[in-house]
Each structure stands twice: as C-alpha cells, then as structure tokens.
C-alpha atoms as a PDB file:
ATOM      1  CA  MET A   1       4.648 -20.646  24.217  1.00  0.00           C
ATOM      2  CA  GLU A   2       3.286 -19.350  20.428  1.00  0.00           C
ATOM      3  CA  LEU A   3      -0.380 -18.717  19.610  1.00  0.00           C
ATOM      4  CA  THR A   4      -1.100 -19.507  16.095  1.00  0.00           C
ATOM      5  CA  ASP A   5      -3.108 -21.418  13.819  1.00  0.00           C
ATOM      6  CA  THR A   6      -0.591 -20.674  11.104  1.00  0.00           C
ATOM      7  CA  ASP A   7       1.083 -23.373   9.340  1.00  0.00           C
ATOM      8  CA  PRO A   8       4.737 -23.458   9.988  1.00  0.00           C
ATOM      9  CA  GLU A   9       5.635 -23.200   6.314  1.00  0.00           C
ATOM     10  CA  ALA A  10       3.360 -20.982   5.120  1.00  0.00           C
ATOM     11  CA  ALA A  11       4.662 -18.549   8.043  1.00  0.00           C
ATOM     12  CA  ARG A  12       8.082 -18.856   6.948  1.00  0.00           C
ATOM     13  CA  VAL A  13       7.155 -17.951   3.082  1.00  0.00           C
ATOM     14  CA  GLN A  14       5.089 -14.947   4.158  1.00  0.00           C
ATOM     15  CA  LEU A  15       7.772 -13.787   6.364  1.00  0.00           C
ATOM     16  CA  ALA A  16      10.248 -13.864   3.486  1.00  0.00           C
ATOM     17  CA  LEU A  17       7.931 -12.286   1.600  1.00  0.00           C
ATOM     18  CA  PHE A  18       7.877  -9.396   4.059  1.00  0.00           C
ATOM     19  CA  ARG A  19      11.378  -9.137   4.046  1.00  0.00           C
ATOM     20  CA  ARG A  20      11.792  -8.808   0.384  1.00  0.00           C
ATOM     21  CA  ALA A  21       9.043  -6.287   0.371  1.00  0.00           C
ATOM     22  CA  SER A  22      10.097  -2.554  -0.295  1.00  0.00           C
ATOM     23  CA  PRO A  23       9.576  -0.050   2.409  1.00  0.00           C
ATOM     24  CA  SER A  24       6.181   1.449   0.556  1.00  0.00           C
ATOM     25  CA  ARG A  25       4.854  -1.985  -0.130  1.00  0.00           C
ATOM     26  CA  ARG A  26       5.611  -2.510   3.892  1.00  0.00           C
ATOM     27  CA  LEU A  27       3.549   0.714   4.750  1.00  0.00           C
ATOM     28  CA  ALA A  28       1.146   0.033   2.572  1.00  0.00           C
ATOM     29  CA  LEU A  29       0.579  -3.675   4.430  1.00  0.00           C
ATOM     30  CA  ALA A  30       0.507  -2.373   7.712  1.00  0.00           C
ATOM     31  CA  LEU A  31      -1.858   0.146   6.965  1.00  0.00           C
ATOM     32  CA  SER A  32      -4.006  -2.135   5.495  1.00  0.00           C
ATOM     33  CA  LEU A  33      -3.698  -4.154   8.362  1.00  0.00           C
ATOM     34  CA  SER A  34      -4.569  -1.312  10.887  1.00  0.00           C
ATOM     35  CA  ARG A  35      -7.602  -0.759   8.995  1.00  0.00           C
ATOM     36  CA  SER A  36      -8.854  -4.102   8.883  1.00  0.00           C
ATOM     37  CA  VAL A  37      -8.261  -4.399  12.811  1.00  0.00           C
ATOM     38  CA  ILE A  38      -9.699  -1.356  13.608  1.00  0.00           C
ATOM     39  CA  GLY A  39     -12.863  -2.324  11.527  1.00  0.00           C
ATOM     40  CA  LEU A  40     -13.379  -5.428  13.333  1.00  0.00           C
ATOM     41  CA  SER A  41     -13.108  -3.579  16.615  1.00  0.00           C
ATOM     42  CA  ARG A  42     -15.642  -1.201  15.775  1.00  0.00           C
ATOM     43  CA  GLY A  43     -17.934  -3.845  13.859  1.00  0.00           C
ATOM     44  CA  GLY A  44     -17.805  -5.851  17.655  1.00  0.00           C
ATOM     45  CA  LEU A  45     -18.514  -2.683  19.564  1.00  0.00           C
ATOM     46  CA  ALA A  46     -21.451  -2.147  17.025  1.00  0.00           C
ATOM     47  CA  ARG A  47     -22.796  -5.632  17.643  1.00  0.00           C
ATOM     48  CA  ASN A  48     -22.412  -5.381  21.496  1.00  0.00           C
ATOM     49  CA  LEU A  49     -24.265  -1.574  21.355  1.00  0.00           C
ATOM     50  CA  PRO A  50     -26.756  -2.070  19.019  1.00  0.00           C
ATOM     51  CA  SER A  51     -28.643   1.461  19.823  1.00  0.00           C
ATOM     52  CA  ALA A  52     -25.454   3.191  19.835  1.00  0.00           C
ATOM     53  CA  THR A  53     -24.393   5.809  17.505  1.00  0.00           C
ATOM     54  CA  ASP A  54     -21.740   5.844  15.151  1.00  0.00           C
ATOM     55  CA  GLN A  55     -20.086   8.692  17.432  1.00  0.00           C
ATOM     56  CA  GLU A  56     -20.620   7.057  20.786  1.00  0.00           C
ATOM     57  CA  ILE A  57     -19.085   3.364  18.988  1.00  0.00           C
ATOM     58  CA  GLY A  58     -16.099   5.832  17.973  1.00  0.00           C
ATOM     59  CA  LEU A  59     -15.965   7.292  21.689  1.00  0.00           C
ATOM     60  CA  ARG A  60     -16.040   3.736  22.953  1.00  0.00           C
ATOM     61  CA  PHE A  61     -13.155   2.621  20.536  1.00  0.00           C
ATOM     62  CA  VAL A  62     -11.166   5.329  21.452  1.00  0.00           C
ATOM     63  CA  GLU A  63     -11.949   4.556  25.358  1.00  0.00           C
ATOM     64  CA  LEU A  64     -11.046   0.873  24.915  1.00  0.00           C
ATOM     65  CA  HIS A  65      -7.602   1.327  22.911  1.00  0.00           C
ATOM     66  CA  TYR A  66      -6.424   4.745  24.492  1.00  0.00           C
ATOM     67  CA  GLY A  67      -8.178   5.300  27.735  1.00  0.00           C
ATOM     68  CA  ARG A  68     -10.512   6.518  29.503  1.00  0.00           C
ATOM     69  CA  GLU A  69      -9.442  10.227  29.885  1.00  0.00           C
ATOM     70  CA  LEU A  70      -8.817  10.864  26.473  1.00  0.00           C
ATOM     71  CA  ALA A  71     -12.265   9.457  25.206  1.00  0.00           C
ATOM     72  CA  GLU A  72     -13.605  11.908  27.942  1.00  0.00           C
ATOM     73  CA  GLU A  73     -11.593  15.134  26.469  1.00  0.00           C
ATOM     74  CA  LEU A  74     -12.963  13.694  22.996  1.00  0.00           C
ATOM     75  CA  ARG A  75     -16.625  13.802  24.192  1.00  0.00           C
ATOM     76  CA  GLU A  76     -16.002  16.995  25.783  1.00  0.00           C
ATOM     77  CA  HIS A  77     -14.604  18.567  22.496  1.00  0.00           C
ATOM     78  CA  LEU A  78     -17.510  16.865  19.987  1.00  0.00           C
ATOM     79  CA  THR A  79     -19.863  18.585  22.579  1.00  0.00           C
ATOM     80  CA  ARG A  80     -18.404  21.908  22.294  1.00  0.00           C
ATOM     81  CA  ARG A  81     -18.236  21.971  18.634  1.00  0.00           C
ATOM     82  CA  ARG A  82     -21.741  21.298  17.953  1.00  0.00           C
END
C-alpha cells in the first residue's frame, strides 16, 4: 500500500522531470529538500519545547535522528568548548 496524496499523473510528470534533470540540478533539489525537512523537524521540536534554547533543540534533533550516544558526545564536546 502506497501512502501518497499526489495525483498519479502529477507524480509521473515529476518523475520524468527528475530523470531529465542534470546531476547538479538533482543535487540542488536533494539539498533543498533536506534543508526543508530539517527545518520542519527543528520547528516541530521548538514548538514542543518552547523554553528550549537553539542548542538544546539542536541536541534533541541529533538524538532523535542520529541516536542518544552521538547526542551525548556532542553535548560533552560543546560543554568542553565553553
């Protein structure tokens, strides 16, 4: 079962455009999409943690997406840098 709200014809056209795009255009699209998704995720965290600092939101983002161990190592590194 495929979960999508995209019209099948629109999806077909979009896929055809991606296939015709140059490698640099594909990379630009991928980076743009990644920035958007990261921004949405961090925005959701900020809404759910209204008193959190940007650093705390960043650390929570790392924990959710890359694991608790990496987030703890990053937290320790940032503490040592102060």
